[in-house]
N, C-alpha and C. Protein backbone atom coordinates (compact mmCIF):
# COMPACT_ATOMS: atom_id res chain seq x y z
N MET A 1 11.50 -0.09 -27.01
CA MET A 1 10.63 -0.29 -25.86
C MET A 1 10.79 -1.73 -25.37
N THR A 2 10.88 -1.91 -24.05
CA THR A 2 11.07 -3.24 -23.48
C THR A 2 9.76 -4.00 -23.42
N THR A 3 9.86 -5.30 -23.15
CA THR A 3 8.65 -6.10 -22.96
C THR A 3 8.01 -5.79 -21.61
N ASP A 4 8.67 -4.98 -20.79
CA ASP A 4 8.11 -4.59 -19.50
C ASP A 4 7.18 -3.39 -19.62
N VAL A 5 7.00 -2.92 -20.86
CA VAL A 5 6.05 -1.86 -21.17
C VAL A 5 5.08 -2.41 -22.20
N ARG A 6 3.83 -2.07 -22.05
CA ARG A 6 2.80 -2.59 -22.95
C ARG A 6 1.90 -1.45 -23.40
N ILE A 7 1.55 -1.45 -24.67
CA ILE A 7 0.63 -0.45 -25.20
C ILE A 7 -0.79 -0.92 -24.89
N GLY A 8 -1.54 -0.08 -24.16
CA GLY A 8 -2.91 -0.42 -23.79
C GLY A 8 -3.88 -0.22 -24.93
N PRO A 9 -5.12 -0.61 -24.72
CA PRO A 9 -6.15 -0.45 -25.76
C PRO A 9 -6.39 1.01 -26.14
N ASP A 10 -5.94 1.93 -25.26
CA ASP A 10 -6.08 3.36 -25.53
C ASP A 10 -4.84 3.94 -26.22
N GLY A 11 -3.87 3.06 -26.58
CA GLY A 11 -2.67 3.49 -27.28
C GLY A 11 -1.59 4.06 -26.38
N ILE A 12 -1.75 3.97 -25.07
CA ILE A 12 -0.78 4.53 -24.13
C ILE A 12 0.14 3.43 -23.61
N ALA A 13 1.45 3.73 -23.56
CA ALA A 13 2.45 2.78 -23.06
C ALA A 13 2.46 2.82 -21.53
N ARG A 14 2.28 1.65 -20.93
CA ARG A 14 2.26 1.53 -19.47
C ARG A 14 3.14 0.37 -19.04
N CYS A 15 3.46 0.35 -17.73
CA CYS A 15 4.14 -0.81 -17.15
C CYS A 15 3.31 -2.05 -17.48
N ALA A 16 3.99 -3.10 -17.93
CA ALA A 16 3.29 -4.29 -18.45
C ALA A 16 2.42 -4.98 -17.41
N TRP A 17 2.70 -4.82 -16.10
CA TRP A 17 1.90 -5.50 -15.08
C TRP A 17 0.45 -5.06 -15.10
N VAL A 18 0.17 -3.92 -15.71
CA VAL A 18 -1.20 -3.41 -15.77
C VAL A 18 -2.09 -4.34 -16.59
N GLY A 19 -1.55 -4.91 -17.66
CA GLY A 19 -2.37 -5.79 -18.51
C GLY A 19 -3.54 -5.05 -19.11
N ASP A 20 -4.68 -5.74 -19.22
CA ASP A 20 -5.87 -5.16 -19.84
C ASP A 20 -6.95 -4.80 -18.83
N ASP A 21 -6.66 -4.94 -17.54
CA ASP A 21 -7.66 -4.69 -16.51
C ASP A 21 -7.88 -3.18 -16.34
N ALA A 22 -9.11 -2.74 -16.50
CA ALA A 22 -9.43 -1.31 -16.42
C ALA A 22 -9.12 -0.72 -15.05
N GLU A 23 -9.37 -1.47 -13.98
CA GLU A 23 -9.08 -0.96 -12.63
C GLU A 23 -7.58 -0.84 -12.40
N TYR A 24 -6.82 -1.82 -12.89
CA TYR A 24 -5.36 -1.72 -12.79
C TYR A 24 -4.84 -0.52 -13.58
N ARG A 25 -5.44 -0.30 -14.76
CA ARG A 25 -5.03 0.83 -15.60
C ARG A 25 -5.27 2.15 -14.85
N ARG A 26 -6.46 2.30 -14.25
CA ARG A 26 -6.78 3.50 -13.49
C ARG A 26 -5.82 3.66 -12.31
N TYR A 27 -5.59 2.57 -11.57
CA TYR A 27 -4.70 2.61 -10.41
C TYR A 27 -3.28 3.01 -10.83
N HIS A 28 -2.78 2.39 -11.88
CA HIS A 28 -1.45 2.71 -12.39
C HIS A 28 -1.35 4.18 -12.80
N ASP A 29 -2.34 4.66 -13.52
CA ASP A 29 -2.30 6.01 -14.06
C ASP A 29 -2.53 7.09 -13.01
N GLU A 30 -3.37 6.81 -12.02
CA GLU A 30 -3.79 7.84 -11.08
C GLU A 30 -3.17 7.75 -9.69
N GLU A 31 -2.70 6.56 -9.29
CA GLU A 31 -2.25 6.40 -7.91
C GLU A 31 -0.82 5.89 -7.77
N TRP A 32 -0.50 4.77 -8.40
CA TRP A 32 0.75 4.06 -8.13
C TRP A 32 1.95 4.94 -8.46
N GLY A 33 2.79 5.16 -7.47
CA GLY A 33 3.99 5.95 -7.66
C GLY A 33 3.80 7.44 -7.46
N ARG A 34 2.59 7.87 -7.15
CA ARG A 34 2.36 9.30 -6.89
C ARG A 34 2.48 9.56 -5.40
N PRO A 35 3.15 10.64 -5.02
CA PRO A 35 3.32 10.92 -3.59
C PRO A 35 2.00 11.00 -2.84
N LEU A 36 1.92 10.23 -1.77
CA LEU A 36 0.73 10.17 -0.93
C LEU A 36 1.13 10.62 0.47
N HIS A 37 0.42 11.57 1.01
CA HIS A 37 0.72 12.09 2.35
C HIS A 37 -0.54 12.08 3.20
N GLY A 38 -0.31 12.14 4.50
CA GLY A 38 -1.40 12.20 5.47
C GLY A 38 -1.46 10.92 6.29
N ASP A 39 -1.65 11.10 7.59
CA ASP A 39 -1.69 9.93 8.47
C ASP A 39 -2.80 8.96 8.10
N ARG A 40 -4.01 9.47 7.83
CA ARG A 40 -5.12 8.59 7.49
C ARG A 40 -4.84 7.84 6.20
N ALA A 41 -4.38 8.55 5.19
CA ALA A 41 -4.10 7.93 3.89
C ALA A 41 -3.01 6.87 4.01
N LEU A 42 -1.96 7.16 4.76
CA LEU A 42 -0.88 6.18 4.91
C LEU A 42 -1.28 5.02 5.82
N PHE A 43 -2.14 5.28 6.81
CA PHE A 43 -2.68 4.19 7.63
C PHE A 43 -3.52 3.26 6.75
N GLU A 44 -4.34 3.83 5.88
CA GLU A 44 -5.13 3.00 4.96
C GLU A 44 -4.21 2.17 4.07
N LYS A 45 -3.19 2.81 3.51
CA LYS A 45 -2.26 2.11 2.62
C LYS A 45 -1.56 0.99 3.38
N MET A 46 -1.09 1.27 4.60
CA MET A 46 -0.43 0.26 5.42
C MET A 46 -1.39 -0.91 5.68
N SER A 47 -2.62 -0.60 6.00
CA SER A 47 -3.61 -1.64 6.30
C SER A 47 -3.90 -2.50 5.08
N LEU A 48 -4.15 -1.86 3.96
CA LEU A 48 -4.47 -2.62 2.74
C LEU A 48 -3.27 -3.43 2.26
N GLU A 49 -2.07 -2.87 2.37
CA GLU A 49 -0.88 -3.64 1.99
C GLU A 49 -0.74 -4.86 2.91
N GLY A 50 -1.06 -4.70 4.19
CA GLY A 50 -1.04 -5.83 5.11
C GLY A 50 -2.05 -6.89 4.74
N PHE A 51 -3.25 -6.47 4.37
CA PHE A 51 -4.28 -7.43 3.94
C PHE A 51 -3.86 -8.12 2.65
N GLN A 52 -3.09 -7.44 1.80
CA GLN A 52 -2.68 -7.99 0.52
C GLN A 52 -1.66 -9.11 0.67
N ALA A 53 -0.92 -9.13 1.76
CA ALA A 53 0.15 -10.13 1.93
C ALA A 53 -0.37 -11.53 1.58
N GLY A 54 0.28 -12.14 0.59
CA GLY A 54 -0.10 -13.47 0.14
C GLY A 54 -1.17 -13.48 -0.94
N LEU A 55 -1.66 -12.33 -1.33
CA LEU A 55 -2.72 -12.22 -2.34
C LEU A 55 -2.27 -11.27 -3.45
N SER A 56 -3.06 -11.17 -4.49
CA SER A 56 -2.75 -10.23 -5.56
C SER A 56 -3.32 -8.85 -5.21
N TRP A 57 -2.65 -7.81 -5.67
CA TRP A 57 -3.10 -6.45 -5.37
C TRP A 57 -4.45 -6.16 -6.01
N ILE A 58 -4.74 -6.75 -7.16
CA ILE A 58 -6.03 -6.49 -7.81
C ILE A 58 -7.18 -6.98 -6.92
N THR A 59 -6.96 -8.04 -6.16
CA THR A 59 -7.98 -8.51 -5.22
C THR A 59 -8.29 -7.42 -4.21
N ILE A 60 -7.27 -6.78 -3.69
CA ILE A 60 -7.45 -5.71 -2.71
C ILE A 60 -8.11 -4.50 -3.36
N LEU A 61 -7.68 -4.13 -4.55
CA LEU A 61 -8.29 -2.98 -5.23
C LEU A 61 -9.79 -3.19 -5.44
N ARG A 62 -10.16 -4.38 -5.82
CA ARG A 62 -11.58 -4.65 -6.06
C ARG A 62 -12.39 -4.64 -4.76
N LYS A 63 -11.74 -4.97 -3.66
CA LYS A 63 -12.42 -4.99 -2.37
C LYS A 63 -12.24 -3.67 -1.59
N ARG A 64 -11.43 -2.76 -2.10
CA ARG A 64 -11.13 -1.54 -1.37
C ARG A 64 -12.37 -0.73 -0.98
N PRO A 65 -13.36 -0.56 -1.86
CA PRO A 65 -14.54 0.20 -1.42
C PRO A 65 -15.21 -0.41 -0.19
N ARG A 66 -15.30 -1.72 -0.14
CA ARG A 66 -15.91 -2.37 1.02
C ARG A 66 -15.00 -2.25 2.25
N PHE A 67 -13.69 -2.41 2.06
CA PHE A 67 -12.76 -2.20 3.17
C PHE A 67 -12.97 -0.80 3.77
N ARG A 68 -13.06 0.20 2.91
CA ARG A 68 -13.22 1.57 3.39
C ARG A 68 -14.53 1.72 4.16
N GLU A 69 -15.55 1.07 3.67
CA GLU A 69 -16.85 1.16 4.33
C GLU A 69 -16.81 0.52 5.72
N VAL A 70 -16.33 -0.70 5.82
CA VAL A 70 -16.38 -1.42 7.10
C VAL A 70 -15.30 -1.00 8.08
N PHE A 71 -14.24 -0.35 7.59
CA PHE A 71 -13.19 0.17 8.46
C PHE A 71 -13.30 1.69 8.62
N ALA A 72 -14.52 2.21 8.51
CA ALA A 72 -14.82 3.62 8.80
C ALA A 72 -13.88 4.57 8.07
N GLY A 73 -13.66 4.31 6.79
CA GLY A 73 -12.78 5.18 6.00
C GLY A 73 -11.35 5.17 6.47
N PHE A 74 -10.99 4.16 7.24
CA PHE A 74 -9.64 4.03 7.82
C PHE A 74 -9.27 5.24 8.67
N GLU A 75 -10.26 5.80 9.35
CA GLU A 75 -9.99 6.86 10.33
C GLU A 75 -9.37 6.17 11.54
N PRO A 76 -8.10 6.42 11.83
CA PRO A 76 -7.43 5.70 12.91
C PRO A 76 -8.16 5.75 14.25
N GLU A 77 -8.72 6.91 14.61
CA GLU A 77 -9.40 7.05 15.90
C GLU A 77 -10.60 6.12 15.99
N VAL A 78 -11.33 5.97 14.89
CA VAL A 78 -12.52 5.11 14.88
C VAL A 78 -12.10 3.64 14.92
N VAL A 79 -11.15 3.27 14.07
CA VAL A 79 -10.70 1.87 14.01
C VAL A 79 -10.05 1.46 15.33
N ALA A 80 -9.35 2.37 15.97
CA ALA A 80 -8.68 2.07 17.25
C ALA A 80 -9.69 1.66 18.32
N ALA A 81 -10.93 2.12 18.20
CA ALA A 81 -11.96 1.82 19.20
C ALA A 81 -12.72 0.52 18.89
N PHE A 82 -12.41 -0.14 17.78
CA PHE A 82 -13.11 -1.38 17.45
C PHE A 82 -12.87 -2.41 18.54
N GLY A 83 -13.92 -3.15 18.86
CA GLY A 83 -13.85 -4.20 19.87
C GLY A 83 -14.15 -5.56 19.26
N GLU A 84 -14.37 -6.54 20.11
CA GLU A 84 -14.61 -7.92 19.67
C GLU A 84 -15.86 -8.03 18.79
N THR A 85 -16.89 -7.25 19.07
CA THR A 85 -18.09 -7.27 18.23
C THR A 85 -17.75 -6.85 16.81
N ASP A 86 -16.90 -5.84 16.70
CA ASP A 86 -16.47 -5.37 15.37
C ASP A 86 -15.63 -6.44 14.67
N VAL A 87 -14.76 -7.09 15.42
CA VAL A 87 -13.94 -8.16 14.83
C VAL A 87 -14.84 -9.26 14.28
N GLU A 88 -15.85 -9.66 15.05
CA GLU A 88 -16.77 -10.71 14.59
C GLU A 88 -17.56 -10.24 13.37
N ARG A 89 -17.99 -8.98 13.36
CA ARG A 89 -18.70 -8.42 12.21
C ARG A 89 -17.81 -8.48 10.97
N LEU A 90 -16.56 -8.11 11.13
CA LEU A 90 -15.63 -8.11 10.00
C LEU A 90 -15.34 -9.54 9.52
N MET A 91 -15.25 -10.47 10.45
CA MET A 91 -14.99 -11.86 10.08
C MET A 91 -16.12 -12.47 9.26
N LEU A 92 -17.32 -11.90 9.37
CA LEU A 92 -18.47 -12.41 8.62
C LEU A 92 -18.69 -11.69 7.29
N ASP A 93 -17.89 -10.68 7.02
CA ASP A 93 -18.09 -9.85 5.83
C ASP A 93 -17.31 -10.40 4.64
N ALA A 94 -18.01 -11.00 3.70
CA ALA A 94 -17.37 -11.60 2.52
C ALA A 94 -16.80 -10.55 1.57
N GLY A 95 -17.10 -9.29 1.80
CA GLY A 95 -16.60 -8.22 0.93
C GLY A 95 -15.16 -7.82 1.21
N ILE A 96 -14.57 -8.38 2.28
CA ILE A 96 -13.19 -8.06 2.62
C ILE A 96 -12.40 -9.37 2.75
N ILE A 97 -11.15 -9.26 3.09
CA ILE A 97 -10.32 -10.44 3.38
C ILE A 97 -10.58 -10.79 4.84
N ARG A 98 -11.17 -11.95 5.08
CA ARG A 98 -11.56 -12.34 6.44
C ARG A 98 -10.43 -13.12 7.11
N ASN A 99 -9.45 -12.40 7.55
CA ASN A 99 -8.30 -12.98 8.22
C ASN A 99 -8.21 -12.31 9.59
N ARG A 100 -8.48 -13.07 10.64
CA ARG A 100 -8.54 -12.51 12.00
C ARG A 100 -7.23 -11.81 12.39
N ALA A 101 -6.10 -12.42 12.07
CA ALA A 101 -4.82 -11.82 12.45
C ALA A 101 -4.64 -10.46 11.77
N LYS A 102 -5.04 -10.34 10.51
CA LYS A 102 -4.90 -9.07 9.79
C LYS A 102 -5.90 -8.03 10.31
N ILE A 103 -7.09 -8.46 10.65
CA ILE A 103 -8.09 -7.55 11.23
C ILE A 103 -7.58 -7.02 12.57
N LEU A 104 -7.11 -7.93 13.43
CA LEU A 104 -6.61 -7.51 14.74
C LEU A 104 -5.39 -6.60 14.60
N ALA A 105 -4.53 -6.89 13.63
CA ALA A 105 -3.36 -6.04 13.39
C ALA A 105 -3.79 -4.64 12.96
N THR A 106 -4.80 -4.54 12.13
CA THR A 106 -5.28 -3.23 11.67
C THR A 106 -5.80 -2.41 12.85
N ILE A 107 -6.52 -3.05 13.75
CA ILE A 107 -7.03 -2.35 14.93
C ILE A 107 -5.88 -1.94 15.84
N SER A 108 -4.96 -2.85 16.09
CA SER A 108 -3.79 -2.55 16.92
C SER A 108 -2.95 -1.44 16.30
N ASN A 109 -2.74 -1.50 14.99
CA ASN A 109 -1.97 -0.46 14.31
C ASN A 109 -2.66 0.90 14.41
N ALA A 110 -4.00 0.89 14.33
CA ALA A 110 -4.75 2.15 14.48
C ALA A 110 -4.52 2.73 15.87
N GLN A 111 -4.50 1.88 16.88
CA GLN A 111 -4.25 2.35 18.24
C GLN A 111 -2.87 2.99 18.35
N LEU A 112 -1.89 2.40 17.68
CA LEU A 112 -0.54 2.97 17.69
C LEU A 112 -0.50 4.31 16.97
N VAL A 113 -1.22 4.41 15.86
CA VAL A 113 -1.25 5.67 15.11
C VAL A 113 -1.89 6.77 15.95
N THR A 114 -2.97 6.44 16.66
CA THR A 114 -3.64 7.46 17.47
C THR A 114 -2.78 7.91 18.65
N GLY A 115 -1.80 7.12 19.02
CA GLY A 115 -0.88 7.51 20.08
C GLY A 115 0.24 8.41 19.59
N MET A 116 0.28 8.66 18.30
CA MET A 116 1.31 9.53 17.71
C MET A 116 0.73 10.93 17.52
N ALA A 117 1.57 11.92 17.50
CA ALA A 117 1.13 13.29 17.22
C ALA A 117 0.62 13.35 15.78
N GLU A 118 -0.28 14.29 15.53
CA GLU A 118 -0.81 14.45 14.18
C GLU A 118 0.33 14.75 13.21
N GLY A 119 0.34 14.01 12.10
CA GLY A 119 1.38 14.18 11.09
C GLY A 119 2.62 13.34 11.34
N ALA A 120 2.69 12.70 12.50
CA ALA A 120 3.89 11.94 12.86
C ALA A 120 4.05 10.68 12.03
N LEU A 121 2.95 9.99 11.72
CA LEU A 121 3.07 8.78 10.89
C LEU A 121 3.59 9.15 9.51
N ASP A 122 3.03 10.19 8.94
CA ASP A 122 3.47 10.66 7.62
C ASP A 122 4.96 10.98 7.65
N ALA A 123 5.37 11.80 8.59
CA ALA A 123 6.79 12.20 8.67
C ALA A 123 7.69 10.99 8.91
N PHE A 124 7.25 10.09 9.78
CA PHE A 124 8.03 8.91 10.10
C PHE A 124 8.22 8.03 8.86
N MET A 125 7.12 7.72 8.18
CA MET A 125 7.23 6.82 7.02
C MET A 125 8.03 7.46 5.89
N TRP A 126 7.79 8.73 5.63
CA TRP A 126 8.50 9.41 4.55
C TRP A 126 9.99 9.60 4.87
N SER A 127 10.36 9.48 6.14
CA SER A 127 11.77 9.63 6.48
C SER A 127 12.60 8.48 5.91
N PHE A 128 11.95 7.41 5.49
CA PHE A 128 12.66 6.27 4.90
C PHE A 128 12.75 6.34 3.38
N ALA A 129 12.10 7.33 2.77
CA ALA A 129 12.14 7.47 1.31
C ALA A 129 13.54 7.91 0.89
N PRO A 130 14.11 7.24 -0.10
CA PRO A 130 15.44 7.66 -0.56
C PRO A 130 15.37 9.02 -1.24
N ALA A 131 16.45 9.77 -1.14
CA ALA A 131 16.51 11.11 -1.73
C ALA A 131 16.42 11.04 -3.26
N THR A 132 17.04 10.03 -3.85
CA THR A 132 16.97 9.84 -5.30
C THR A 132 16.66 8.36 -5.56
N TRP A 133 16.16 8.10 -6.74
CA TRP A 133 15.80 6.73 -7.09
C TRP A 133 16.06 6.51 -8.56
N PRO A 134 16.86 5.50 -8.91
CA PRO A 134 17.14 5.27 -10.33
C PRO A 134 15.91 4.72 -11.05
N ARG A 135 15.66 5.22 -12.23
CA ARG A 135 14.53 4.74 -13.04
C ARG A 135 14.85 3.33 -13.54
N PRO A 136 14.03 2.33 -13.21
CA PRO A 136 14.30 0.98 -13.72
C PRO A 136 14.02 0.91 -15.22
N THR A 137 14.86 0.18 -15.92
CA THR A 137 14.62 -0.03 -17.35
C THR A 137 13.82 -1.31 -17.58
N SER A 138 13.77 -2.16 -16.56
CA SER A 138 12.97 -3.39 -16.64
C SER A 138 12.56 -3.79 -15.24
N PHE A 139 11.57 -4.65 -15.13
CA PHE A 139 11.13 -5.10 -13.81
C PHE A 139 12.16 -6.02 -13.15
N ALA A 140 13.09 -6.54 -13.93
CA ALA A 140 14.17 -7.33 -13.35
C ALA A 140 15.03 -6.47 -12.42
N GLU A 141 15.01 -5.16 -12.62
CA GLU A 141 15.78 -4.24 -11.78
C GLU A 141 15.02 -3.82 -10.52
N VAL A 142 13.76 -4.21 -10.40
CA VAL A 142 12.94 -3.82 -9.26
C VAL A 142 13.01 -4.91 -8.20
N ALA A 143 13.54 -4.54 -7.05
CA ALA A 143 13.70 -5.50 -5.96
C ALA A 143 12.39 -5.67 -5.20
N ALA A 144 12.27 -6.76 -4.47
CA ALA A 144 11.11 -6.98 -3.60
C ALA A 144 11.27 -6.24 -2.28
N THR A 145 12.53 -6.02 -1.88
CA THR A 145 12.84 -5.27 -0.67
C THR A 145 14.08 -4.43 -0.94
N THR A 146 14.25 -3.41 -0.12
CA THR A 146 15.44 -2.56 -0.22
C THR A 146 15.95 -2.29 1.19
N ALA A 147 17.09 -1.69 1.29
CA ALA A 147 17.61 -1.30 2.61
C ALA A 147 16.62 -0.36 3.30
N GLU A 148 15.98 0.51 2.51
CA GLU A 148 15.01 1.46 3.08
C GLU A 148 13.76 0.74 3.59
N SER A 149 13.26 -0.22 2.81
CA SER A 149 12.06 -0.94 3.29
C SER A 149 12.40 -1.83 4.47
N ASP A 150 13.61 -2.38 4.49
CA ASP A 150 14.07 -3.15 5.66
C ASP A 150 14.07 -2.26 6.90
N ALA A 151 14.63 -1.07 6.76
CA ALA A 151 14.72 -0.15 7.90
C ALA A 151 13.34 0.31 8.35
N MET A 152 12.45 0.62 7.41
CA MET A 152 11.09 1.04 7.75
C MET A 152 10.38 -0.08 8.50
N SER A 153 10.46 -1.29 7.97
CA SER A 153 9.81 -2.44 8.60
C SER A 153 10.33 -2.64 10.02
N LYS A 154 11.62 -2.62 10.17
CA LYS A 154 12.23 -2.83 11.49
C LYS A 154 11.78 -1.75 12.48
N ALA A 155 11.77 -0.50 12.03
CA ALA A 155 11.38 0.61 12.90
C ALA A 155 9.90 0.53 13.27
N LEU A 156 9.05 0.16 12.32
CA LEU A 156 7.63 0.02 12.62
C LEU A 156 7.38 -1.14 13.60
N ARG A 157 8.04 -2.25 13.36
CA ARG A 157 7.88 -3.40 14.28
C ARG A 157 8.37 -3.05 15.67
N LYS A 158 9.44 -2.29 15.76
CA LYS A 158 9.96 -1.87 17.06
C LYS A 158 8.91 -1.04 17.82
N ARG A 159 8.11 -0.29 17.09
CA ARG A 159 7.05 0.52 17.69
C ARG A 159 5.79 -0.32 17.98
N GLY A 160 5.78 -1.59 17.54
CA GLY A 160 4.65 -2.47 17.81
C GLY A 160 3.72 -2.72 16.64
N PHE A 161 3.99 -2.13 15.48
CA PHE A 161 3.13 -2.34 14.31
C PHE A 161 3.27 -3.77 13.82
N ARG A 162 2.18 -4.29 13.24
CA ARG A 162 2.17 -5.67 12.74
C ARG A 162 1.78 -5.69 11.27
N PHE A 163 2.16 -6.78 10.59
CA PHE A 163 1.95 -6.96 9.14
C PHE A 163 2.64 -5.83 8.37
N VAL A 164 3.86 -5.56 8.77
CA VAL A 164 4.65 -4.49 8.15
C VAL A 164 6.03 -5.03 7.76
N GLY A 165 6.06 -6.22 7.19
CA GLY A 165 7.32 -6.80 6.75
C GLY A 165 7.95 -5.97 5.64
N SER A 166 9.20 -6.24 5.36
CA SER A 166 9.95 -5.45 4.39
C SER A 166 9.33 -5.48 3.00
N THR A 167 8.88 -6.63 2.54
CA THR A 167 8.25 -6.71 1.21
C THR A 167 6.97 -5.89 1.18
N THR A 168 6.18 -6.00 2.24
CA THR A 168 4.93 -5.23 2.34
C THR A 168 5.24 -3.73 2.37
N MET A 169 6.27 -3.35 3.10
CA MET A 169 6.61 -1.93 3.18
C MET A 169 7.20 -1.42 1.88
N TYR A 170 7.90 -2.28 1.13
CA TYR A 170 8.39 -1.82 -0.17
C TYR A 170 7.22 -1.60 -1.12
N ALA A 171 6.22 -2.47 -1.07
CA ALA A 171 5.02 -2.27 -1.89
C ALA A 171 4.34 -0.95 -1.52
N LEU A 172 4.29 -0.64 -0.22
CA LEU A 172 3.74 0.63 0.23
C LEU A 172 4.57 1.79 -0.31
N MET A 173 5.89 1.66 -0.26
CA MET A 173 6.76 2.72 -0.75
C MET A 173 6.52 2.97 -2.25
N GLN A 174 6.32 1.89 -3.00
CA GLN A 174 6.03 2.03 -4.43
C GLN A 174 4.68 2.71 -4.65
N SER A 175 3.66 2.20 -3.98
CA SER A 175 2.32 2.69 -4.23
C SER A 175 2.10 4.12 -3.73
N SER A 176 2.85 4.52 -2.70
CA SER A 176 2.66 5.87 -2.15
C SER A 176 3.68 6.87 -2.68
N GLY A 177 4.46 6.48 -3.67
CA GLY A 177 5.37 7.40 -4.33
C GLY A 177 6.66 7.69 -3.58
N MET A 178 6.95 6.93 -2.54
CA MET A 178 8.23 7.11 -1.85
C MET A 178 9.38 6.68 -2.75
N VAL A 179 9.08 5.74 -3.63
CA VAL A 179 9.96 5.37 -4.74
C VAL A 179 9.09 5.34 -6.00
N ASP A 180 9.69 5.47 -7.14
CA ASP A 180 8.95 5.48 -8.41
C ASP A 180 9.53 4.38 -9.30
N ASP A 181 8.81 3.26 -9.36
CA ASP A 181 9.28 2.12 -10.15
C ASP A 181 8.57 1.98 -11.49
N HIS A 182 8.00 3.07 -12.00
CA HIS A 182 7.49 3.01 -13.37
C HIS A 182 8.71 2.81 -14.28
N VAL A 183 8.65 1.78 -15.11
CA VAL A 183 9.82 1.46 -15.94
C VAL A 183 9.97 2.44 -17.10
N HIS A 184 11.21 2.55 -17.55
CA HIS A 184 11.52 3.40 -18.70
C HIS A 184 10.62 2.99 -19.87
N GLY A 185 10.00 3.97 -20.49
CA GLY A 185 9.10 3.71 -21.61
C GLY A 185 7.64 3.86 -21.22
N CYS A 186 7.34 3.74 -19.94
CA CYS A 186 5.97 3.95 -19.44
C CYS A 186 5.68 5.45 -19.47
N TRP A 187 4.47 5.83 -19.80
CA TRP A 187 4.15 7.25 -19.88
C TRP A 187 4.30 7.96 -18.54
N ARG A 188 4.21 7.20 -17.44
CA ARG A 188 4.35 7.79 -16.10
C ARG A 188 5.82 7.94 -15.70
N ALA A 189 6.73 7.36 -16.45
CA ALA A 189 8.16 7.45 -16.14
C ALA A 189 8.68 8.80 -16.60
N ILE A 190 8.77 9.71 -15.67
CA ILE A 190 9.20 11.07 -16.02
C ILE A 190 10.47 11.44 -15.29
C-alpha cells in the first residue's frame, strides 16, 4: 500500500488527502468520483468549484449548506433572476465566501444555463469526460489539468461562463465522476 492511501479510524483504506476529518471522509466515500448528472447538480458543482478557487475544498464543504440556502438550492432559474439587492445580501453573509466577482459569475453562469435546453449542460459537460481513465497508483500521477479539462474550460469560456479555468474544471471532473482519481489501494478504487 502506498503512502497515498491511509487507514482511517474505522479501519478502511482511503485516499490519504482525506486525513482524519469526518466531513472529508463522508465526501470521499459518498460523493467524490461518483457520476453526477443533472443541470442543477452540475451548476451547483461548477459554482462551488468556482468559489473554491484559491481556497481549500474543506472550506467549501463546511459552507455548502449555507451556500445552498442563500443560492436557492442552486436552481439556475432562481439564481439567474438575482439582482443587485441579492448581491449585496450575499456580500454581507459570513456563511459563504464573500467575493463579489465569484457571486456575479455565479449569477451570470445561471443566466447562461437557463438559456440552454433542459439537460444540455449535463450533456455538454459530460461530453468532455474521457472514455477510459487509468487508475493512479499515487497522487504524483494525478495532474492539475488535462487536455479534457483544458477543452472543457475553453468551450465554457467561449459560451461566456466565468470562473471555469482548467484547474477548476478538472476538480469538477474529479468530484463529479467524469474521471476517477481514487488511488490504487483506496477502497473506492474499483
